């Protein structure tokens, strides 16, 4: 685990199937898979999943929120 250089939050680095590194927040959240969902999560295998974080019924699984979705400084990391 490491910390974000801009906001200081604890982050975990996950390797995606494309072999790229993605920062994610440390906590796990229940999600319901939905291709048209408003949220994105990443599981511990680096798979990015469109989903709903607020739902009725049982969750599809547990995953992490990509750090770029919660970091107040995310725009400073984006390539131009």
Protein backbone atom coordinates (compact mmCIF):
# COMPACT_ATOMS: atom_id res chain seq x y z
CA UNK A 1 0.00 0.00 0.00
CA UNK A 2 1.11 3.52 -0.71
CA UNK A 3 -0.33 7.02 -0.47
CA UNK A 4 -1.48 9.40 -3.18
CA UNK A 5 1.15 12.07 -3.74
CA UNK A 6 -1.54 14.78 -4.09
CA UNK A 7 -4.29 14.02 -1.54
CA UNK A 8 -2.48 11.64 0.85
CA UNK A 9 -5.15 8.90 0.70
CA UNK A 10 -4.10 5.26 1.09
CA UNK A 11 -4.14 3.54 -2.30
CA UNK A 12 -3.47 0.07 -3.66
CA UNK A 13 -1.95 -0.48 -7.09
CA UNK A 14 -3.70 -3.16 -9.18
CA UNK A 15 -2.46 -4.61 -12.46
CA UNK A 16 -5.10 -4.62 -15.21
CA UNK A 17 -5.42 -7.41 -17.81
CA UNK A 18 -3.69 -4.96 -20.23
CA UNK A 19 -0.68 -5.01 -17.83
CA UNK A 20 -1.18 -1.35 -16.82
CA UNK A 21 -1.11 -0.21 -13.20
CA UNK A 22 -4.28 1.35 -11.77
CA UNK A 23 -4.54 3.11 -8.38
CA UNK A 24 -7.55 2.12 -6.28
CA UNK A 25 -8.85 3.16 -2.87
CA UNK A 26 -8.04 0.63 -0.18
CA UNK A 27 -11.55 -0.34 0.98
CA UNK A 28 -13.82 -2.92 -0.62
CA UNK A 29 -17.39 -1.99 -1.62
CA UNK A 30 -20.36 -4.19 -2.59
CA UNK A 31 -21.51 -3.62 -6.16
CA UNK A 32 -24.18 -4.83 -8.58
CA UNK A 33 -22.86 -5.34 -12.13
CA UNK A 34 -24.69 -3.13 -14.63
CA UNK A 35 -23.21 -2.30 -18.07
CA UNK A 36 -25.18 0.97 -17.99
CA UNK A 37 -24.36 1.73 -14.35
CA UNK A 38 -23.22 5.11 -13.11
CA UNK A 39 -20.16 3.83 -11.25
CA UNK A 40 -16.95 1.96 -12.02
CA UNK A 41 -15.13 -0.46 -9.74
CA UNK A 42 -12.01 -2.53 -10.17
CA UNK A 43 -11.61 -6.01 -8.70
CA UNK A 44 -8.39 -7.43 -7.29
CA UNK A 45 -7.58 -8.98 -10.70
CA UNK A 46 -7.61 -5.50 -12.28
CA UNK A 47 -10.85 -5.95 -14.19
CA UNK A 48 -12.79 -2.70 -14.57
CA UNK A 49 -16.54 -3.20 -14.06
CA UNK A 50 -19.46 -0.81 -14.75
CA UNK A 51 -21.90 -1.10 -11.89
CA UNK A 52 -24.29 0.39 -9.40
CA UNK A 53 -23.04 1.01 -5.86
CA UNK A 54 -26.57 1.60 -4.56
CA UNK A 55 -28.97 -1.27 -5.31
CA UNK A 56 -31.58 -3.61 -3.89
CA UNK A 57 -30.90 -7.31 -3.40
CA UNK A 58 -27.64 -9.21 -3.26
CA UNK A 59 -24.40 -7.75 -4.59
CA UNK A 60 -22.56 -9.21 -7.55
CA UNK A 61 -19.33 -8.97 -5.58
CA UNK A 62 -16.89 -6.78 -3.71
CA UNK A 63 -14.44 -4.46 -5.45
CA UNK A 64 -12.47 -1.25 -5.05
CA UNK A 65 -13.21 2.27 -6.26
CA UNK A 66 -10.57 3.54 -8.73
CA UNK A 67 -8.69 6.35 -7.01
CA UNK A 68 -9.19 8.70 -9.96
CA UNK A 69 -12.92 8.67 -9.09
CA UNK A 70 -12.36 9.96 -5.55
CA UNK A 71 -9.16 12.02 -5.66
CA UNK A 72 -9.82 15.78 -5.65
CA UNK A 73 -6.62 16.20 -7.71
CA UNK A 74 -7.33 13.55 -10.36
CA UNK A 75 -7.21 16.06 -13.25
CA UNK A 76 -3.58 16.84 -12.40
CA UNK A 77 -2.59 13.24 -13.20
CA UNK A 78 -4.34 12.99 -16.58
CA UNK A 79 -2.18 13.08 -19.68
CA UNK A 80 -2.94 15.96 -22.01
